[in-house]
Amino acid sequence: MYHASRFLQYFFIAESDRRRRDVVFLMDGSEGNKNGFPAMKEFVQRMVERLDITENRDRVSVVQYSRDAEVHFYLNTYTTKEDSLDGVRGLRRKGGRTLYTGAAIQYVRDNVFTASSGSRGLESVPQILVLLSGGRSSDSVDAAASSLKELGVLTFGIGSRGSDSRELQRISYNTDYALTVSDFSELPNVQEQLLASQTGLKFGHWICCKMT
């Protein structure tokens, strides 16, 4: 069972009446996720539609991976929602038989969550990674996941029945951030629950609190 309402508590972040987020989507583009990729892509598009994308508010990046990682656009590539949505609509699955999730996470940490790529982590803007993976990694994810946690990135792992749930839990910021659906076609149900919740985060040193 996935904890969609808990996911929203951390995805839709409120800092008083002003929201600023750097959100990176890391998508499984392997052959094993051929059937699930269209639903995954639609989910990312719908989530981007809910962001307030401008240079000084929300920023979004999309990375796809299988054996290696490929950045489709960085956090500072687009400064409007429409351009970002066009970037998502233009995604094509990259293919590849092997899934190296650990290497992809490390790549994102070293090349996307950086100031030169548009990350505002040094300005205390929340850093969020949403991993969408349909299979088990062929490499270890532990070191890369730990490096993201040390950086303060809030990582959410969303998987399907083909994923390793324990692996998703190790990747995620904590075990409550790991979500599983039986099939990626169920992602719209996750999104609806995300949008229905009314909780948020208050960030200083990435400290979260409940909103009543």
N, C-alpha and C. Protein backbone atom coordinates (compact mmCIF):
# COMPACT_ATOMS: atom_id res chain seq x y z
N MET A 1 0.85 -1.20 0.00
CA MET A 1 0.00 0.00 0.00
C MET A 1 0.88 1.25 0.00
N TYR A 2 0.57 2.21 -0.85
CA TYR A 2 1.36 3.42 -0.89
C TYR A 2 0.77 4.47 0.04
N HIS A 3 1.63 5.36 0.50
CA HIS A 3 1.21 6.39 1.45
C HIS A 3 1.12 7.72 0.70
N ALA A 4 0.11 7.86 -0.14
CA ALA A 4 0.02 9.02 -1.00
C ALA A 4 -0.16 10.31 -0.22
N SER A 5 -0.97 10.27 0.84
CA SER A 5 -1.18 11.50 1.59
C SER A 5 0.11 11.96 2.25
N ARG A 6 0.95 11.00 2.68
CA ARG A 6 2.23 11.36 3.27
C ARG A 6 3.13 11.99 2.21
N PHE A 7 3.03 11.46 0.97
CA PHE A 7 3.82 12.02 -0.13
C PHE A 7 3.49 13.49 -0.32
N LEU A 8 2.24 13.83 -0.31
CA LEU A 8 1.87 15.23 -0.52
C LEU A 8 2.38 16.12 0.60
N GLN A 9 2.44 15.61 1.79
CA GLN A 9 2.89 16.42 2.91
C GLN A 9 4.26 17.01 2.62
N TYR A 10 5.03 16.32 1.82
CA TYR A 10 6.39 16.76 1.57
C TYR A 10 6.60 17.29 0.16
N PHE A 11 5.68 16.98 -0.75
CA PHE A 11 5.84 17.48 -2.11
C PHE A 11 5.36 18.92 -2.23
N PHE A 12 4.21 19.22 -1.63
CA PHE A 12 3.69 20.57 -1.68
C PHE A 12 4.14 21.32 -0.44
N ILE A 13 5.21 22.05 -0.57
CA ILE A 13 5.91 22.67 0.54
C ILE A 13 5.49 24.12 0.69
N ALA A 14 5.20 24.54 1.91
CA ALA A 14 4.80 25.92 2.16
C ALA A 14 5.82 26.60 3.05
N GLU A 15 6.30 27.74 2.63
CA GLU A 15 7.13 28.60 3.46
C GLU A 15 6.34 29.89 3.61
N SER A 16 5.58 29.98 4.73
CA SER A 16 4.62 31.07 4.91
C SER A 16 3.69 31.06 3.71
N ASP A 17 3.57 32.19 2.99
CA ASP A 17 2.70 32.22 1.82
C ASP A 17 3.53 32.14 0.54
N ARG A 18 4.80 31.80 0.66
CA ARG A 18 5.68 31.77 -0.50
C ARG A 18 6.29 30.39 -0.64
N ARG A 19 6.18 29.81 -1.83
CA ARG A 19 6.73 28.49 -2.06
C ARG A 19 7.87 28.58 -3.07
N ARG A 20 8.97 27.95 -2.73
CA ARG A 20 10.07 27.80 -3.67
C ARG A 20 10.59 26.38 -3.53
N ARG A 21 10.69 25.69 -4.65
CA ARG A 21 11.14 24.31 -4.64
C ARG A 21 11.99 24.05 -5.86
N ASP A 22 13.00 23.23 -5.68
CA ASP A 22 13.76 22.67 -6.80
C ASP A 22 13.40 21.20 -6.87
N VAL A 23 12.68 20.81 -7.93
CA VAL A 23 12.15 19.45 -8.03
C VAL A 23 12.77 18.75 -9.24
N VAL A 24 13.37 17.59 -8.98
CA VAL A 24 13.97 16.79 -10.05
C VAL A 24 13.22 15.46 -10.14
N PHE A 25 12.79 15.11 -11.36
CA PHE A 25 12.17 13.81 -11.62
C PHE A 25 13.20 12.91 -12.30
N LEU A 26 13.44 11.75 -11.71
CA LEU A 26 14.37 10.76 -12.27
C LEU A 26 13.55 9.55 -12.71
N MET A 27 13.48 9.34 -14.03
CA MET A 27 12.54 8.38 -14.61
C MET A 27 13.25 7.17 -15.21
N ASP A 28 12.70 6.01 -14.93
CA ASP A 28 13.18 4.75 -15.50
C ASP A 28 12.76 4.67 -16.97
N GLY A 29 13.77 4.73 -17.86
CA GLY A 29 13.49 4.66 -19.29
C GLY A 29 13.93 3.35 -19.92
N SER A 30 14.10 2.30 -19.11
CA SER A 30 14.62 1.03 -19.59
C SER A 30 13.57 0.23 -20.35
N GLU A 31 14.04 -0.82 -21.03
CA GLU A 31 13.13 -1.71 -21.76
C GLU A 31 12.14 -2.37 -20.82
N GLY A 32 12.58 -2.65 -19.59
CA GLY A 32 11.70 -3.29 -18.63
C GLY A 32 10.52 -2.43 -18.23
N ASN A 33 10.63 -1.12 -18.46
CA ASN A 33 9.54 -0.20 -18.12
C ASN A 33 8.85 0.33 -19.37
N LYS A 34 8.94 -0.39 -20.44
CA LYS A 34 8.35 0.04 -21.71
C LYS A 34 6.86 0.31 -21.59
N ASN A 35 6.14 -0.58 -20.93
CA ASN A 35 4.69 -0.42 -20.81
C ASN A 35 4.31 0.65 -19.80
N GLY A 36 5.13 0.83 -18.77
CA GLY A 36 4.79 1.79 -17.73
C GLY A 36 5.22 3.22 -18.02
N PHE A 37 6.09 3.40 -19.01
CA PHE A 37 6.65 4.74 -19.25
C PHE A 37 5.60 5.79 -19.63
N PRO A 38 4.64 5.49 -20.50
CA PRO A 38 3.64 6.51 -20.84
C PRO A 38 2.89 7.04 -19.62
N ALA A 39 2.47 6.14 -18.70
CA ALA A 39 1.77 6.58 -17.49
C ALA A 39 2.70 7.38 -16.59
N MET A 40 3.97 6.98 -16.52
CA MET A 40 4.96 7.70 -15.73
C MET A 40 5.15 9.12 -16.28
N LYS A 41 5.23 9.22 -17.59
CA LYS A 41 5.40 10.52 -18.25
C LYS A 41 4.19 11.42 -17.99
N GLU A 42 2.99 10.85 -18.06
CA GLU A 42 1.78 11.62 -17.80
C GLU A 42 1.73 12.11 -16.36
N PHE A 43 2.19 11.26 -15.44
CA PHE A 43 2.23 11.64 -14.03
C PHE A 43 3.16 12.84 -13.82
N VAL A 44 4.34 12.79 -14.42
CA VAL A 44 5.28 13.91 -14.30
C VAL A 44 4.67 15.18 -14.88
N GLN A 45 4.02 15.06 -16.02
CA GLN A 45 3.39 16.22 -16.64
C GLN A 45 2.34 16.84 -15.72
N ARG A 46 1.52 16.00 -15.10
CA ARG A 46 0.47 16.52 -14.22
C ARG A 46 1.06 17.15 -12.96
N MET A 47 2.14 16.61 -12.46
CA MET A 47 2.77 17.22 -11.30
C MET A 47 3.40 18.55 -11.65
N VAL A 48 4.02 18.64 -12.83
CA VAL A 48 4.61 19.90 -13.28
C VAL A 48 3.53 20.97 -13.45
N GLU A 49 2.36 20.54 -13.92
CA GLU A 49 1.26 21.49 -14.08
C GLU A 49 0.88 22.16 -12.76
N ARG A 50 1.12 21.48 -11.65
CA ARG A 50 0.76 22.01 -10.34
C ARG A 50 1.85 22.90 -9.73
N LEU A 51 3.01 22.95 -10.34
CA LEU A 51 4.09 23.77 -9.82
C LEU A 51 3.97 25.20 -10.31
N ASP A 52 4.51 26.13 -9.55
CA ASP A 52 4.49 27.55 -9.90
C ASP A 52 5.87 27.89 -10.46
N ILE A 53 6.06 27.56 -11.73
CA ILE A 53 7.40 27.61 -12.31
C ILE A 53 7.73 29.01 -12.83
N THR A 54 8.65 29.66 -12.16
CA THR A 54 9.30 30.88 -12.62
C THR A 54 10.72 30.81 -12.10
N GLU A 55 11.54 31.76 -12.52
CA GLU A 55 12.94 31.74 -12.10
C GLU A 55 13.09 31.84 -10.60
N ASN A 56 12.19 32.59 -9.95
CA ASN A 56 12.30 32.83 -8.52
C ASN A 56 11.32 32.04 -7.66
N ARG A 57 10.58 31.14 -8.28
CA ARG A 57 9.67 30.29 -7.49
C ARG A 57 10.10 28.83 -7.68
N ASP A 58 9.26 28.01 -8.29
CA ASP A 58 9.60 26.61 -8.47
C ASP A 58 10.47 26.41 -9.72
N ARG A 59 11.40 25.47 -9.61
CA ARG A 59 12.20 25.05 -10.75
C ARG A 59 12.09 23.54 -10.87
N VAL A 60 12.17 23.03 -12.10
CA VAL A 60 11.99 21.60 -12.33
C VAL A 60 13.03 21.09 -13.32
N SER A 61 13.45 19.86 -13.10
CA SER A 61 14.38 19.18 -14.00
C SER A 61 13.87 17.76 -14.23
N VAL A 62 14.15 17.21 -15.41
CA VAL A 62 13.78 15.83 -15.72
C VAL A 62 15.01 15.09 -16.23
N VAL A 63 15.26 13.94 -15.62
CA VAL A 63 16.38 13.08 -16.00
C VAL A 63 15.82 11.68 -16.24
N GLN A 64 16.33 11.02 -17.28
CA GLN A 64 15.90 9.66 -17.59
C GLN A 64 17.12 8.75 -17.50
N TYR A 65 16.90 7.51 -17.13
CA TYR A 65 18.05 6.62 -16.99
C TYR A 65 17.69 5.17 -17.29
N SER A 66 18.70 4.42 -17.63
CA SER A 66 18.66 2.96 -17.67
C SER A 66 20.07 2.52 -17.29
N ARG A 67 20.92 2.20 -18.27
CA ARG A 67 22.31 1.89 -17.95
C ARG A 67 23.05 3.15 -17.51
N ASP A 68 22.73 4.28 -18.18
CA ASP A 68 23.31 5.56 -17.81
C ASP A 68 22.20 6.60 -17.72
N ALA A 69 22.55 7.77 -17.23
CA ALA A 69 21.56 8.83 -17.04
C ALA A 69 21.66 9.86 -18.15
N GLU A 70 20.52 10.45 -18.49
CA GLU A 70 20.44 11.47 -19.54
C GLU A 70 19.55 12.61 -19.04
N VAL A 71 20.12 13.81 -18.97
CA VAL A 71 19.36 14.97 -18.54
C VAL A 71 18.57 15.51 -19.72
N HIS A 72 17.26 15.63 -19.55
CA HIS A 72 16.43 16.23 -20.61
C HIS A 72 16.39 17.75 -20.45
N PHE A 73 16.30 18.22 -19.22
CA PHE A 73 16.50 19.63 -18.95
C PHE A 73 16.85 19.83 -17.49
N TYR A 74 17.65 20.87 -17.25
CA TYR A 74 18.14 21.17 -15.91
C TYR A 74 17.18 22.10 -15.18
N LEU A 75 17.49 22.37 -13.93
CA LEU A 75 16.66 23.24 -13.11
C LEU A 75 16.63 24.67 -13.65
N ASN A 76 17.67 25.07 -14.35
CA ASN A 76 17.71 26.44 -14.89
C ASN A 76 17.52 26.48 -16.40
N THR A 77 17.05 25.37 -16.99
CA THR A 77 16.84 25.37 -18.45
C THR A 77 15.60 26.19 -18.82
N TYR A 78 14.50 25.99 -18.10
CA TYR A 78 13.25 26.68 -18.39
C TYR A 78 12.82 27.54 -17.20
N THR A 79 12.22 28.66 -17.51
CA THR A 79 11.74 29.56 -16.46
C THR A 79 10.23 29.78 -16.55
N THR A 80 9.55 29.03 -17.42
CA THR A 80 8.09 29.12 -17.50
C THR A 80 7.50 27.72 -17.44
N LYS A 81 6.27 27.63 -16.97
CA LYS A 81 5.58 26.35 -16.89
C LYS A 81 5.37 25.76 -18.28
N GLU A 82 4.98 26.58 -19.23
CA GLU A 82 4.68 26.05 -20.56
C GLU A 82 5.91 25.45 -21.22
N ASP A 83 7.06 26.11 -21.08
CA ASP A 83 8.29 25.55 -21.64
C ASP A 83 8.65 24.23 -20.95
N SER A 84 8.44 24.19 -19.64
CA SER A 84 8.72 22.96 -18.90
C SER A 84 7.80 21.84 -19.35
N LEU A 85 6.52 22.16 -19.52
CA LEU A 85 5.57 21.14 -19.99
C LEU A 85 5.91 20.67 -21.39
N ASP A 86 6.33 21.59 -22.25
CA ASP A 86 6.76 21.19 -23.60
C ASP A 86 7.93 20.21 -23.51
N GLY A 87 8.83 20.47 -22.57
CA GLY A 87 9.97 19.58 -22.38
C GLY A 87 9.53 18.19 -21.95
N VAL A 88 8.55 18.11 -21.07
CA VAL A 88 8.04 16.82 -20.63
C VAL A 88 7.29 16.12 -21.76
N ARG A 89 6.47 16.87 -22.49
CA ARG A 89 5.71 16.26 -23.59
C ARG A 89 6.64 15.68 -24.66
N GLY A 90 7.80 16.26 -24.81
CA GLY A 90 8.74 15.81 -25.82
C GLY A 90 9.59 14.61 -25.41
N LEU A 91 9.39 14.08 -24.21
CA LEU A 91 10.19 12.96 -23.74
C LEU A 91 9.94 11.70 -24.58
N ARG A 92 11.02 11.02 -24.89
CA ARG A 92 10.95 9.72 -25.55
C ARG A 92 11.76 8.74 -24.70
N ARG A 93 11.23 7.58 -24.50
CA ARG A 93 11.92 6.59 -23.67
C ARG A 93 13.28 6.26 -24.28
N LYS A 94 14.32 6.26 -23.44
CA LYS A 94 15.67 6.09 -23.96
C LYS A 94 16.03 4.65 -24.26
N GLY A 95 15.37 3.69 -23.61
CA GLY A 95 15.69 2.29 -23.84
C GLY A 95 16.90 1.85 -23.03
N GLY A 96 17.29 0.60 -23.23
CA GLY A 96 18.39 0.02 -22.48
C GLY A 96 17.89 -1.08 -21.58
N ARG A 97 18.60 -2.20 -21.55
CA ARG A 97 18.13 -3.35 -20.80
C ARG A 97 18.48 -3.28 -19.32
N THR A 98 19.61 -2.69 -18.99
CA THR A 98 20.10 -2.71 -17.62
C THR A 98 19.70 -1.45 -16.88
N LEU A 99 19.39 -1.60 -15.60
CA LEU A 99 18.95 -0.47 -14.77
C LEU A 99 20.00 -0.22 -13.68
N TYR A 100 20.70 0.90 -13.82
CA TYR A 100 21.71 1.28 -12.82
C TYR A 100 21.18 2.48 -12.04
N THR A 101 20.34 2.18 -11.06
CA THR A 101 19.70 3.24 -10.29
C THR A 101 20.70 3.98 -9.41
N GLY A 102 21.62 3.25 -8.79
CA GLY A 102 22.61 3.88 -7.93
C GLY A 102 23.45 4.89 -8.69
N ALA A 103 23.93 4.50 -9.87
CA ALA A 103 24.74 5.41 -10.69
C ALA A 103 23.93 6.62 -11.13
N ALA A 104 22.64 6.40 -11.44
CA ALA A 104 21.79 7.51 -11.88
C ALA A 104 21.56 8.51 -10.75
N ILE A 105 21.35 8.00 -9.54
CA ILE A 105 21.17 8.89 -8.39
C ILE A 105 22.44 9.70 -8.14
N GLN A 106 23.59 9.04 -8.23
CA GLN A 106 24.85 9.75 -8.03
C GLN A 106 25.05 10.80 -9.11
N TYR A 107 24.66 10.47 -10.34
CA TYR A 107 24.78 11.44 -11.44
C TYR A 107 23.93 12.68 -11.16
N VAL A 108 22.72 12.47 -10.70
CA VAL A 108 21.84 13.59 -10.38
C VAL A 108 22.44 14.43 -9.26
N ARG A 109 22.98 13.78 -8.26
CA ARG A 109 23.59 14.49 -7.15
C ARG A 109 24.77 15.35 -7.61
N ASP A 110 25.59 14.82 -8.52
CA ASP A 110 26.80 15.51 -8.94
C ASP A 110 26.59 16.52 -10.07
N ASN A 111 25.50 16.34 -10.85
CA ASN A 111 25.33 17.15 -12.05
C ASN A 111 24.05 17.96 -12.13
N VAL A 112 23.08 17.67 -11.28
CA VAL A 112 21.81 18.39 -11.33
C VAL A 112 21.58 19.21 -10.06
N PHE A 113 21.83 18.62 -8.91
CA PHE A 113 21.68 19.37 -7.66
C PHE A 113 22.95 20.20 -7.39
N THR A 114 23.27 21.05 -8.36
CA THR A 114 24.44 21.92 -8.27
C THR A 114 24.01 23.34 -8.63
N ALA A 115 24.72 24.31 -8.11
CA ALA A 115 24.39 25.71 -8.39
C ALA A 115 24.48 26.02 -9.87
N SER A 116 25.47 25.44 -10.55
CA SER A 116 25.64 25.73 -11.98
C SER A 116 24.49 25.18 -12.81
N SER A 117 23.76 24.20 -12.29
CA SER A 117 22.61 23.63 -13.00
C SER A 117 21.29 24.20 -12.52
N GLY A 118 21.36 25.19 -11.63
CA GLY A 118 20.14 25.88 -11.20
C GLY A 118 19.67 25.53 -9.81
N SER A 119 20.37 24.65 -9.10
CA SER A 119 19.96 24.31 -7.74
C SER A 119 20.18 25.49 -6.81
N ARG A 120 19.20 25.70 -5.92
CA ARG A 120 19.30 26.79 -4.93
C ARG A 120 19.38 26.24 -3.52
N GLY A 121 19.98 25.07 -3.39
CA GLY A 121 20.14 24.47 -2.08
C GLY A 121 20.92 25.34 -1.13
N LEU A 122 21.91 26.06 -1.63
CA LEU A 122 22.70 26.95 -0.78
C LEU A 122 21.89 28.14 -0.27
N GLU A 123 20.72 28.38 -0.90
CA GLU A 123 19.82 29.44 -0.45
C GLU A 123 18.71 28.88 0.44
N SER A 124 18.87 27.64 0.87
CA SER A 124 17.89 26.95 1.72
C SER A 124 16.55 26.72 1.02
N VAL A 125 16.59 26.64 -0.31
CA VAL A 125 15.40 26.24 -1.06
C VAL A 125 15.29 24.72 -1.00
N PRO A 126 14.14 24.16 -0.64
CA PRO A 126 13.99 22.71 -0.56
C PRO A 126 14.39 22.01 -1.87
N GLN A 127 15.16 20.95 -1.72
CA GLN A 127 15.63 20.14 -2.83
C GLN A 127 14.89 18.81 -2.80
N ILE A 128 14.19 18.48 -3.87
CA ILE A 128 13.33 17.31 -3.90
C ILE A 128 13.66 16.46 -5.12
N LEU A 129 13.85 15.16 -4.88
CA LEU A 129 14.03 14.21 -5.96
C LEU A 129 12.87 13.22 -5.94
N VAL A 130 12.22 13.04 -7.09
CA VAL A 130 11.16 12.05 -7.24
C VAL A 130 11.66 10.98 -8.20
N LEU A 131 11.98 9.81 -7.65
CA LEU A 131 12.45 8.68 -8.46
C LEU A 131 11.26 7.81 -8.84
N LEU A 132 11.15 7.50 -10.14
CA LEU A 132 10.11 6.61 -10.64
C LEU A 132 10.81 5.43 -11.30
N SER A 133 10.73 4.28 -10.65
CA SER A 133 11.48 3.12 -11.12
C SER A 133 10.60 1.88 -11.18
N GLY A 134 10.71 1.15 -12.29
CA GLY A 134 9.88 -0.03 -12.48
C GLY A 134 10.58 -1.34 -12.25
N GLY A 135 11.86 -1.29 -11.81
CA GLY A 135 12.59 -2.53 -11.64
C GLY A 135 13.65 -2.44 -10.56
N ARG A 136 14.33 -3.55 -10.35
CA ARG A 136 15.41 -3.62 -9.36
C ARG A 136 16.72 -3.16 -9.99
N SER A 137 17.48 -2.41 -9.23
CA SER A 137 18.75 -1.89 -9.74
C SER A 137 19.78 -3.00 -9.87
N SER A 138 20.64 -2.88 -10.90
CA SER A 138 21.75 -3.82 -11.09
C SER A 138 22.99 -3.39 -10.32
N ASP A 139 22.96 -2.22 -9.72
CA ASP A 139 24.08 -1.77 -8.90
C ASP A 139 23.57 -1.39 -7.52
N SER A 140 24.50 -1.14 -6.61
CA SER A 140 24.12 -0.75 -5.25
C SER A 140 23.62 0.69 -5.23
N VAL A 141 22.59 0.93 -4.46
CA VAL A 141 22.02 2.28 -4.37
C VAL A 141 22.42 2.98 -3.07
N ASP A 142 23.06 2.25 -2.16
CA ASP A 142 23.24 2.74 -0.80
C ASP A 142 24.12 3.98 -0.71
N ALA A 143 25.29 3.96 -1.34
CA ALA A 143 26.21 5.10 -1.24
C ALA A 143 25.62 6.35 -1.86
N ALA A 144 24.99 6.19 -3.03
CA ALA A 144 24.39 7.34 -3.71
C ALA A 144 23.23 7.92 -2.91
N ALA A 145 22.39 7.05 -2.36
CA ALA A 145 21.26 7.51 -1.55
C ALA A 145 21.76 8.26 -0.32
N SER A 146 22.79 7.75 0.31
CA SER A 146 23.35 8.41 1.49
C SER A 146 23.91 9.78 1.15
N SER A 147 24.54 9.89 -0.03
CA SER A 147 25.12 11.18 -0.41
C SER A 147 24.04 12.23 -0.63
N LEU A 148 22.88 11.81 -1.12
CA LEU A 148 21.76 12.75 -1.29
C LEU A 148 21.21 13.18 0.06
N LYS A 149 21.09 12.25 0.97
CA LYS A 149 20.60 12.57 2.31
C LYS A 149 21.54 13.56 3.00
N GLU A 150 22.84 13.34 2.83
CA GLU A 150 23.81 14.25 3.43
C GLU A 150 23.71 15.65 2.84
N LEU A 151 23.32 15.72 1.56
CA LEU A 151 23.14 17.01 0.90
C LEU A 151 21.84 17.68 1.33
N GLY A 152 20.94 16.93 1.97
CA GLY A 152 19.66 17.48 2.40
C GLY A 152 18.55 17.33 1.39
N VAL A 153 18.76 16.48 0.36
CA VAL A 153 17.74 16.28 -0.66
C VAL A 153 16.66 15.34 -0.12
N LEU A 154 15.40 15.73 -0.28
CA LEU A 154 14.27 14.89 0.09
C LEU A 154 13.94 13.98 -1.09
N THR A 155 14.28 12.71 -0.97
CA THR A 155 14.09 11.76 -2.06
C THR A 155 12.87 10.90 -1.81
N PHE A 156 12.00 10.81 -2.83
CA PHE A 156 10.83 9.95 -2.80
C PHE A 156 11.03 8.86 -3.84
N GLY A 157 10.84 7.61 -3.45
CA GLY A 157 10.95 6.50 -4.39
C GLY A 157 9.58 5.93 -4.69
N ILE A 158 9.18 5.99 -5.96
CA ILE A 158 7.89 5.43 -6.39
C ILE A 158 8.17 4.25 -7.30
N GLY A 159 7.66 3.09 -6.94
CA GLY A 159 7.90 1.89 -7.72
C GLY A 159 6.62 1.14 -8.00
N SER A 160 6.74 0.13 -8.86
CA SER A 160 5.62 -0.74 -9.20
C SER A 160 5.91 -2.13 -8.65
N ARG A 161 5.08 -3.09 -9.01
CA ARG A 161 5.25 -4.45 -8.46
C ARG A 161 6.57 -5.08 -8.91
N GLY A 162 7.17 -4.54 -9.98
CA GLY A 162 8.46 -5.05 -10.43
C GLY A 162 9.64 -4.47 -9.68
N SER A 163 9.39 -3.53 -8.80
CA SER A 163 10.45 -2.88 -8.04
C SER A 163 10.75 -3.65 -6.77
N ASP A 164 11.90 -3.33 -6.19
CA ASP A 164 12.30 -3.89 -4.90
C ASP A 164 11.90 -2.89 -3.83
N SER A 165 10.90 -3.24 -3.02
CA SER A 165 10.38 -2.28 -2.05
C SER A 165 11.43 -1.89 -1.02
N ARG A 166 12.27 -2.83 -0.61
CA ARG A 166 13.31 -2.51 0.35
C ARG A 166 14.37 -1.58 -0.26
N GLU A 167 14.63 -1.78 -1.53
CA GLU A 167 15.55 -0.88 -2.23
C GLU A 167 14.99 0.53 -2.28
N LEU A 168 13.70 0.65 -2.57
CA LEU A 168 13.05 1.96 -2.60
C LEU A 168 13.13 2.64 -1.24
N GLN A 169 12.98 1.86 -0.19
CA GLN A 169 13.05 2.42 1.16
C GLN A 169 14.46 2.93 1.46
N ARG A 170 15.48 2.22 0.98
CA ARG A 170 16.86 2.66 1.21
C ARG A 170 17.16 3.92 0.42
N ILE A 171 16.57 4.05 -0.74
CA ILE A 171 16.79 5.23 -1.58
C ILE A 171 16.10 6.45 -0.99
N SER A 172 14.91 6.26 -0.47
CA SER A 172 14.08 7.38 -0.02
C SER A 172 14.65 8.03 1.24
N TYR A 173 14.25 9.28 1.46
CA TYR A 173 14.77 10.04 2.60
C TYR A 173 14.49 9.33 3.91
N ASN A 174 13.31 8.77 4.03
CA ASN A 174 13.04 7.79 5.08
C ASN A 174 12.00 6.82 4.53
N THR A 175 11.70 5.78 5.27
CA THR A 175 10.87 4.71 4.73
C THR A 175 9.46 5.18 4.35
N ASP A 176 8.96 6.23 5.01
CA ASP A 176 7.63 6.73 4.68
C ASP A 176 7.59 7.43 3.33
N TYR A 177 8.75 7.74 2.77
CA TYR A 177 8.82 8.41 1.48
C TYR A 177 8.85 7.41 0.32
N ALA A 178 8.82 6.12 0.62
CA ALA A 178 8.81 5.09 -0.41
C ALA A 178 7.38 4.68 -0.71
N LEU A 179 6.99 4.75 -1.97
CA LEU A 179 5.61 4.47 -2.39
C LEU A 179 5.61 3.35 -3.41
N THR A 180 4.60 2.50 -3.35
CA THR A 180 4.49 1.40 -4.32
C THR A 180 3.07 1.32 -4.86
N VAL A 181 2.97 1.20 -6.17
CA VAL A 181 1.69 0.95 -6.83
C VAL A 181 1.81 -0.39 -7.55
N SER A 182 0.69 -1.06 -7.76
CA SER A 182 0.77 -2.35 -8.45
C SER A 182 1.12 -2.16 -9.92
N ASP A 183 0.74 -1.02 -10.46
CA ASP A 183 1.02 -0.72 -11.86
C ASP A 183 1.08 0.80 -12.00
N PHE A 184 1.93 1.31 -12.90
CA PHE A 184 2.07 2.76 -13.03
C PHE A 184 0.81 3.42 -13.58
N SER A 185 -0.12 2.63 -14.11
CA SER A 185 -1.40 3.21 -14.52
C SER A 185 -2.17 3.74 -13.32
N GLU A 186 -1.79 3.33 -12.10
CA GLU A 186 -2.44 3.82 -10.88
C GLU A 186 -1.89 5.16 -10.41
N LEU A 187 -0.89 5.68 -11.07
CA LEU A 187 -0.29 6.95 -10.64
C LEU A 187 -1.29 8.10 -10.58
N PRO A 188 -2.29 8.18 -11.48
CA PRO A 188 -3.29 9.25 -11.31
C PRO A 188 -4.01 9.20 -9.98
N ASN A 189 -4.22 7.99 -9.42
CA ASN A 189 -4.85 7.89 -8.11
C ASN A 189 -3.93 8.45 -7.03
N VAL A 190 -2.63 8.22 -7.18
CA VAL A 190 -1.67 8.80 -6.26
C VAL A 190 -1.74 10.31 -6.32
N GLN A 191 -1.78 10.83 -7.54
CA GLN A 191 -1.79 12.28 -7.70
C GLN A 191 -3.02 12.90 -7.07
N GLU A 192 -4.17 12.29 -7.25
CA GLU A 192 -5.39 12.85 -6.68
C GLU A 192 -5.30 12.93 -5.17
N GLN A 193 -4.71 11.93 -4.56
CA GLN A 193 -4.57 11.97 -3.11
C GLN A 193 -3.53 13.01 -2.70
N LEU A 194 -2.53 13.18 -3.54
CA LEU A 194 -1.53 14.21 -3.26
C LEU A 194 -2.18 15.58 -3.20
N LEU A 195 -3.00 15.87 -4.19
CA LEU A 195 -3.58 17.20 -4.32
C LEU A 195 -4.68 17.44 -3.30
N ALA A 196 -5.20 16.38 -2.69
CA ALA A 196 -6.30 16.53 -1.74
C ALA A 196 -5.83 16.87 -0.33
N SER A 197 -4.59 16.57 -0.03
CA SER A 197 -4.09 16.78 1.33
C SER A 197 -3.77 18.25 1.57
N GLN A 198 -3.78 18.66 2.83
CA GLN A 198 -3.52 20.05 3.18
C GLN A 198 -2.48 20.13 4.28
N THR A 199 -1.33 19.53 4.00
CA THR A 199 -0.23 19.61 4.94
C THR A 199 0.97 20.15 4.21
N GLY A 200 2.01 20.51 4.98
CA GLY A 200 3.17 21.09 4.32
C GLY A 200 4.40 20.99 5.17
N LEU A 201 5.44 21.63 4.71
CA LEU A 201 6.71 21.61 5.40
C LEU A 201 7.19 23.01 5.66
N LYS A 202 7.83 23.17 6.77
CA LYS A 202 8.50 24.42 7.06
C LYS A 202 9.99 24.12 7.07
N PHE A 203 10.75 24.80 6.24
CA PHE A 203 12.14 24.47 6.07
C PHE A 203 13.06 25.52 6.66
N GLY A 204 13.99 25.08 7.47
CA GLY A 204 15.12 25.87 7.88
C GLY A 204 16.29 25.01 7.53
N HIS A 205 16.47 23.98 8.35
CA HIS A 205 17.46 22.97 8.07
C HIS A 205 16.74 21.70 7.65
N TRP A 206 15.78 21.84 6.72
CA TRP A 206 14.95 20.74 6.25
C TRP A 206 14.19 20.09 7.41
N ILE A 207 13.72 20.91 8.35
CA ILE A 207 12.93 20.39 9.47
C ILE A 207 11.46 20.48 9.10
N CYS A 208 10.76 19.38 9.26
CA CYS A 208 9.36 19.39 8.83
C CYS A 208 8.43 19.38 10.04
N CYS A 209 7.27 19.92 9.82
CA CYS A 209 6.25 19.90 10.87
C CYS A 209 4.89 19.72 10.23
N LYS A 210 3.94 19.22 11.00
CA LYS A 210 2.60 19.00 10.50
C LYS A 210 1.82 20.30 10.54
N MET A 211 0.91 20.44 9.59
CA MET A 211 -0.02 21.57 9.60
C MET A 211 -1.38 21.01 9.96
N THR A 212 -2.06 21.64 10.89
CA THR A 212 -3.36 21.13 11.30
C THR A 212 -4.46 21.87 10.57
